[in-house]
Amino acid sequence: MSLHMGLAVFDGMMAYGNGAAFHVLRKRKHVERLVSGASNLGFAPRYSVDEISEAMGALLEGLGAR
């Protein structure tokens, strides 16, 4: 309901593991689109594109590739 009523922003991203690390295809473009979509709906994003990208990298690094 949030997506259909304009109460949330969504962008699907996938992380691929190569045995040693994870990689998100076009990560920066996805995050830019997410932040832009939030701004267009009047939401004030708490974090910058760089901060979100860094946090995603830290999360995936913490998970470790399998």
PDB file of N, CA and C in Angstrom:
ATOM      1  N   MET A   1       0.821  -1.193   0.000  1.00  0.00           N
ATOM      2  CA  MET A   1       0.000   0.000   0.000  1.00  0.00           C
ATOM      3  C   MET A   1       0.869   1.262   0.000  1.00  0.00           C
ATOM      4  N   SER A   2       1.976   1.228   0.705  1.00  0.00           N
ATOM      5  CA  SER A   2       2.838   2.413   0.768  1.00  0.00           C
ATOM      6  C   SER A   2       3.308   2.849  -0.610  1.00  0.00           C
ATOM      7  N   LEU A   3       3.698   1.891  -1.422  1.00  0.00           N
ATOM      8  CA  LEU A   3       4.188   2.203  -2.757  1.00  0.00           C
ATOM      9  C   LEU A   3       3.067   2.780  -3.629  1.00  0.00           C
ATOM     10  N   HIS A   4       1.890   2.182  -3.584  1.00  0.00           N
ATOM     11  CA  HIS A   4       0.784   2.610  -4.434  1.00  0.00           C
ATOM     12  C   HIS A   4       0.198   3.952  -4.006  1.00  0.00           C
ATOM     13  N   MET A   5       0.270   4.235  -2.718  1.00  0.00           N
ATOM     14  CA  MET A   5      -0.290   5.486  -2.205  1.00  0.00           C
ATOM     15  C   MET A   5       0.745   6.608  -2.144  1.00  0.00           C
ATOM     16  N   GLY A   6       1.964   6.328  -2.557  1.00  0.00           N
ATOM     17  CA  GLY A   6       2.996   7.358  -2.549  1.00  0.00           C
ATOM     18  C   GLY A   6       3.519   7.673  -1.165  1.00  0.00           C
ATOM     19  N   LEU A   7       3.498   6.676  -0.275  1.00  0.00           N
ATOM     20  CA  LEU A   7       3.956   6.881   1.092  1.00  0.00           C
ATOM     21  C   LEU A   7       5.355   6.331   1.324  1.00  0.00           C
ATOM     22  N   ALA A   8       5.956   5.769   0.303  1.00  0.00           N
ATOM     23  CA  ALA A   8       7.281   5.168   0.440  1.00  0.00           C
ATOM     24  C   ALA A   8       7.985   5.208  -0.909  1.00  0.00           C
ATOM     25  N   VAL A   9       9.287   4.945  -0.876  1.00  0.00           N
ATOM     26  CA  VAL A   9      10.100   4.905  -2.082  1.00  0.00           C
ATOM     27  C   VAL A   9      10.779   3.549  -2.115  1.00  0.00           C
ATOM     28  N   PHE A  10      10.876   2.963  -3.306  1.00  0.00           N
ATOM     29  CA  PHE A  10      11.465   1.643  -3.455  1.00  0.00           C
ATOM     30  C   PHE A  10      12.347   1.609  -4.693  1.00  0.00           C
ATOM     31  N   ASP A  11      13.484   0.969  -4.569  1.00  0.00           N
ATOM     32  CA  ASP A  11      14.328   0.691  -5.737  1.00  0.00           C
ATOM     33  C   ASP A  11      14.962  -0.662  -5.494  1.00  0.00           C
ATOM     34  N   GLY A  12      14.738  -1.598  -6.380  1.00  0.00           N
ATOM     35  CA  GLY A  12      15.269  -2.950  -6.201  1.00  0.00           C
ATOM     36  C   GLY A  12      16.742  -3.029  -6.570  1.00  0.00           C
ATOM     37  N   MET A  13      17.546  -3.550  -5.679  1.00  0.00           N
ATOM     38  CA  MET A  13      18.978  -3.722  -5.912  1.00  0.00           C
ATOM     39  C   MET A  13      19.351  -5.155  -5.584  1.00  0.00           C
ATOM     40  N   MET A  14      20.318  -5.681  -6.305  1.00  0.00           N
ATOM     41  CA  MET A  14      20.788  -7.036  -6.033  1.00  0.00           C
ATOM     42  C   MET A  14      22.290  -7.005  -5.820  1.00  0.00           C
ATOM     43  N   ALA A  15      22.739  -7.775  -4.845  1.00  0.00           N
ATOM     44  CA  ALA A  15      24.174  -7.907  -4.595  1.00  0.00           C
ATOM     45  C   ALA A  15      24.610  -9.288  -5.068  1.00  0.00           C
ATOM     46  N   TYR A  16      25.709  -9.308  -5.791  1.00  0.00           N
ATOM     47  CA  TYR A  16      26.247 -10.558  -6.317  1.00  0.00           C
ATOM     48  C   TYR A  16      27.547 -10.879  -5.609  1.00  0.00           C
ATOM     49  N   GLY A  17      27.689 -12.110  -5.137  1.00  0.00           N
ATOM     50  CA  GLY A  17      28.924 -12.546  -4.495  1.00  0.00           C
ATOM     51  C   GLY A  17      29.782 -13.341  -5.454  1.00  0.00           C
ATOM     52  N   ASN A  18      31.093 -13.123  -5.362  1.00  0.00           N
ATOM     53  CA  ASN A  18      32.007 -13.876  -6.223  1.00  0.00           C
ATOM     54  C   ASN A  18      32.894 -14.805  -5.401  1.00  0.00           C
ATOM     55  N   GLY A  19      32.506 -15.071  -4.179  1.00  0.00           N
ATOM     56  CA  GLY A  19      33.291 -15.939  -3.307  1.00  0.00           C
ATOM     57  C   GLY A  19      34.173 -15.167  -2.350  1.00  0.00           C
ATOM     58  N   ALA A  20      34.587 -13.958  -2.735  1.00  0.00           N
ATOM     59  CA  ALA A  20      35.452 -13.152  -1.878  1.00  0.00           C
ATOM     60  C   ALA A  20      34.760 -11.873  -1.411  1.00  0.00           C
ATOM     61  N   ALA A  21      33.834 -11.376  -2.194  1.00  0.00           N
ATOM     62  CA  ALA A  21      33.167 -10.117  -1.855  1.00  0.00           C
ATOM     63  C   ALA A  21      31.841 -10.025  -2.595  1.00  0.00           C
ATOM     64  N   PHE A  22      31.042  -9.051  -2.195  1.00  0.00           N
ATOM     65  CA  PHE A  22      29.784  -8.762  -2.875  1.00  0.00           C
ATOM     66  C   PHE A  22      29.941  -7.522  -3.732  1.00  0.00           C
ATOM     67  N   HIS A  23      29.159  -7.454  -4.792  1.00  0.00           N
ATOM     68  CA  HIS A  23      29.153  -6.294  -5.672  1.00  0.00           C
ATOM     69  C   HIS A  23      27.699  -5.965  -5.997  1.00  0.00           C
ATOM     70  N   VAL A  24      27.339  -4.695  -5.901  1.00  0.00           N
ATOM     71  CA  VAL A  24      26.004  -4.235  -6.290  1.00  0.00           C
ATOM     72  C   VAL A  24      26.140  -3.553  -7.637  1.00  0.00           C
ATOM     73  N   LEU A  25      25.477  -4.100  -8.628  1.00  0.00           N
ATOM     74  CA  LEU A  25      25.529  -3.562  -9.982  1.00  0.00           C
ATOM     75  C   LEU A  25      24.895  -2.175 -10.023  1.00  0.00           C
ATOM     76  N   ARG A  26      25.645  -1.201 -10.504  1.00  0.00           N
ATOM     77  CA  ARG A  26      25.173   0.185 -10.632  1.00  0.00           C
ATOM     78  C   ARG A  26      24.647   0.745  -9.309  1.00  0.00           C
ATOM     79  N   LYS A  27      25.357   0.459  -8.227  1.00  0.00           N
ATOM     80  CA  LYS A  27      24.914   0.864  -6.885  1.00  0.00           C
ATOM     81  C   LYS A  27      24.629   2.362  -6.804  1.00  0.00           C
ATOM     82  N   ARG A  28      25.562   3.175  -7.259  1.00  0.00           N
ATOM     83  CA  ARG A  28      25.391   4.625  -7.131  1.00  0.00           C
ATOM     84  C   ARG A  28      24.140   5.108  -7.882  1.00  0.00           C
ATOM     85  N   LYS A  29      23.902   4.584  -9.075  1.00  0.00           N
ATOM     86  CA  LYS A  29      22.710   4.982  -9.843  1.00  0.00           C
ATOM     87  C   LYS A  29      21.424   4.603  -9.101  1.00  0.00           C
ATOM     88  N   HIS A  30      21.408   3.416  -8.499  1.00  0.00           N
ATOM     89  CA  HIS A  30      20.239   2.987  -7.732  1.00  0.00           C
ATOM     90  C   HIS A  30      19.994   3.919  -6.547  1.00  0.00           C
ATOM     91  N   VAL A  31      21.068   4.232  -5.815  1.00  0.00           N
ATOM     92  CA  VAL A  31      20.922   5.080  -4.632  1.00  0.00           C
ATOM     93  C   VAL A  31      20.524   6.499  -5.042  1.00  0.00           C
ATOM     94  N   GLU A  32      21.095   7.003  -6.129  1.00  0.00           N
ATOM     95  CA  GLU A  32      20.701   8.330  -6.615  1.00  0.00           C
ATOM     96  C   GLU A  32      19.220   8.359  -6.961  1.00  0.00           C
ATOM     97  N   ARG A  33      18.738   7.310  -7.615  1.00  0.00           N
ATOM     98  CA  ARG A  33      17.316   7.228  -7.978  1.00  0.00           C
ATOM     99  C   ARG A  33      16.439   7.149  -6.730  1.00  0.00           C
ATOM    100  N   LEU A  34      16.883   6.414  -5.728  1.00  0.00           N
ATOM    101  CA  LEU A  34      16.139   6.289  -4.477  1.00  0.00           C
ATOM    102  C   LEU A  34      16.019   7.646  -3.778  1.00  0.00           C
ATOM    103  N   VAL A  35      17.138   8.356  -3.650  1.00  0.00           N
ATOM    104  CA  VAL A  35      17.139   9.665  -2.990  1.00  0.00           C
ATOM    105  C   VAL A  35      16.326  10.676  -3.805  1.00  0.00           C
ATOM    106  N   SER A  36      16.462  10.637  -5.128  1.00  0.00           N
ATOM    107  CA  SER A  36      15.701  11.535  -5.989  1.00  0.00           C
ATOM    108  C   SER A  36      14.205  11.280  -5.858  1.00  0.00           C
ATOM    109  N   GLY A  37      13.820  10.010  -5.864  1.00  0.00           N
ATOM    110  CA  GLY A  37      12.408   9.661  -5.712  1.00  0.00           C
ATOM    111  C   GLY A  37      11.844  10.136  -4.388  1.00  0.00           C
ATOM    112  N   ALA A  38      12.623   9.992  -3.325  1.00  0.00           N
ATOM    113  CA  ALA A  38      12.185  10.462  -2.005  1.00  0.00           C
ATOM    114  C   ALA A  38      11.997  11.975  -2.020  1.00  0.00           C
ATOM    115  N   SER A  39      12.950  12.681  -2.602  1.00  0.00           N
ATOM    116  CA  SER A  39      12.859  14.141  -2.682  1.00  0.00           C
ATOM    117  C   SER A  39      11.655  14.570  -3.510  1.00  0.00           C
ATOM    118  N   ASN A  40      11.403  13.879  -4.613  1.00  0.00           N
ATOM    119  CA  ASN A  40      10.260  14.210  -5.473  1.00  0.00           C
ATOM    120  C   ASN A  40       8.934  14.028  -4.759  1.00  0.00           C
ATOM    121  N   LEU A  41       8.876  13.110  -3.807  1.00  0.00           N
ATOM    122  CA  LEU A  41       7.642  12.883  -3.047  1.00  0.00           C
ATOM    123  C   LEU A  41       7.548  13.776  -1.811  1.00  0.00           C
ATOM    124  N   GLY A  42       8.560  14.626  -1.623  1.00  0.00           N
ATOM    125  CA  GLY A  42       8.521  15.539  -0.484  1.00  0.00           C
ATOM    126  C   GLY A  42       9.151  14.985   0.775  1.00  0.00           C
ATOM    127  N   PHE A  43       9.806  13.830   0.668  1.00  0.00           N
ATOM    128  CA  PHE A  43      10.505  13.266   1.817  1.00  0.00           C
ATOM    129  C   PHE A  43      11.896  13.887   1.878  1.00  0.00           C
ATOM    130  N   ALA A  44      12.343  14.215   3.054  1.00  0.00           N
ATOM    131  CA  ALA A  44      13.690  14.759   3.224  1.00  0.00           C
ATOM    132  C   ALA A  44      14.613  13.606   3.613  1.00  0.00           C
ATOM    133  N   PRO A  45      15.409  13.103   2.672  1.00  0.00           N
ATOM    134  CA  PRO A  45      16.310  11.994   3.005  1.00  0.00           C
ATOM    135  C   PRO A  45      17.268  12.386   4.123  1.00  0.00           C
ATOM    136  N   ARG A  46      17.437  11.498   5.091  1.00  0.00           N
ATOM    137  CA  ARG A  46      18.327  11.768   6.234  1.00  0.00           C
ATOM    138  C   ARG A  46      19.795  11.620   5.860  1.00  0.00           C
ATOM    139  N   TYR A  47      20.069  10.871   4.821  1.00  0.00           N
ATOM    140  CA  TYR A  47      21.439  10.548   4.462  1.00  0.00           C
ATOM    141  C   TYR A  47      21.705  10.886   3.006  1.00  0.00           C
ATOM    142  N   SER A  48      22.951  11.216   2.718  1.00  0.00           N
ATOM    143  CA  SER A  48      23.342  11.530   1.342  1.00  0.00           C
ATOM    144  C   SER A  48      23.533  10.246   0.540  1.00  0.00           C
ATOM    145  N   VAL A  49      23.662  10.410  -0.762  1.00  0.00           N
ATOM    146  CA  VAL A  49      23.920   9.272  -1.648  1.00  0.00           C
ATOM    147  C   VAL A  49      25.210   8.571  -1.210  1.00  0.00           C
ATOM    148  N   ASP A  50      26.234   9.352  -0.920  1.00  0.00           N
ATOM    149  CA  ASP A  50      27.515   8.762  -0.495  1.00  0.00           C
ATOM    150  C   ASP A  50      27.378   7.994   0.810  1.00  0.00           C
ATOM    151  N   GLU A  51      26.644   8.554   1.775  1.00  0.00           N
ATOM    152  CA  GLU A  51      26.476   7.879   3.066  1.00  0.00           C
ATOM    153  C   GLU A  51      25.721   6.563   2.910  1.00  0.00           C
ATOM    154  N   ILE A  52      24.685   6.561   2.094  1.00  0.00           N
ATOM    155  CA  ILE A  52      23.915   5.332   1.868  1.00  0.00           C
ATOM    156  C   ILE A  52      24.780   4.291   1.162  1.00  0.00           C
ATOM    157  N   SER A  53      25.518   4.720   0.153  1.00  0.00           N
ATOM    158  CA  SER A  53      26.393   3.800  -0.585  1.00  0.00           C
ATOM    159  C   SER A  53      27.452   3.189   0.327  1.00  0.00           C
ATOM    160  N   GLU A  54      28.056   4.017   1.182  1.00  0.00           N
ATOM    161  CA  GLU A  54      29.063   3.521   2.119  1.00  0.00           C
ATOM    162  C   GLU A  54      28.457   2.535   3.114  1.00  0.00           C
ATOM    163  N   ALA A  55      27.258   2.833   3.599  1.00  0.00           N
ATOM    164  CA  ALA A  55      26.597   1.939   4.549  1.00  0.00           C
ATOM    165  C   ALA A  55      26.265   0.594   3.895  1.00  0.00           C
ATOM    166  N   MET A  56      25.842   0.631   2.637  1.00  0.00           N
ATOM    167  CA  MET A  56      25.567  -0.621   1.924  1.00  0.00           C
ATOM    168  C   MET A  56      26.843  -1.452   1.789  1.00  0.00           C
ATOM    169  N   GLY A  57      27.941  -0.789   1.449  1.00  0.00           N
ATOM    170  CA  GLY A  57      29.214  -1.482   1.327  1.00  0.00           C
ATOM    171  C   GLY A  57      29.649  -2.108   2.648  1.00  0.00           C
ATOM    172  N   ALA A  58      29.485  -1.356   3.743  1.00  0.00           N
ATOM    173  CA  ALA A  58      29.860  -1.868   5.059  1.00  0.00           C
ATOM    174  C   ALA A  58      28.998  -3.062   5.453  1.00  0.00           C
ATOM    175  N   LEU A  59      27.711  -2.983   5.149  1.00  0.00           N
ATOM    176  CA  LEU A  59      26.817  -4.094   5.453  1.00  0.00           C
ATOM    177  C   LEU A  59      27.223  -5.349   4.692  1.00  0.00           C
ATOM    178  N   LEU A  60      27.450  -5.211   3.400  1.00  0.00           N
ATOM    179  CA  LEU A  60      27.825  -6.366   2.590  1.00  0.00           C
ATOM    180  C   LEU A  60      29.187  -6.905   2.990  1.00  0.00           C
ATOM    181  N   GLU A  61      30.101  -6.027   3.344  1.00  0.00           N
ATOM    182  CA  GLU A  61      31.425  -6.481   3.798  1.00  0.00           C
ATOM    183  C   GLU A  61      31.303  -7.275   5.101  1.00  0.00           C
ATOM    184  N   GLY A  62      30.406  -6.818   5.976  1.00  0.00           N
ATOM    185  CA  GLY A  62      30.168  -7.509   7.236  1.00  0.00           C
ATOM    186  C   GLY A  62      29.549  -8.886   7.045  1.00  0.00           C
ATOM    187  N   LEU A  63      28.753  -9.041   5.998  1.00  0.00           N
ATOM    188  CA  LEU A  63      28.141 -10.336   5.725  1.00  0.00           C
ATOM    189  C   LEU A  63      29.154 -11.342   5.198  1.00  0.00           C
ATOM    190  N   GLY A  64      30.121 -10.838   4.440  1.00  0.00           N
ATOM    191  CA  GLY A  64      31.116 -11.721   3.827  1.00  0.00           C
ATOM    192  C   GLY A  64      30.503 -12.516   2.701  1.00  0.00           C
ATOM    193  N   ALA A  65      31.259 -12.740   1.676  1.00  0.00           N
ATOM    194  CA  ALA A  65      30.763 -13.527   0.539  1.00  0.00           C
ATOM    195  C   ALA A  65      30.697 -14.985   0.913  1.00  0.00           C
ATOM    196  N   ARG A  66      29.739 -15.662   0.353  1.00  0.00           N
ATOM    197  CA  ARG A  66      29.541 -17.089   0.641  1.00  0.00           C
ATOM    198  C   ARG A  66      29.649 -17.876  -0.636  1.00  0.00           C
TER     199      ARG A  66
END
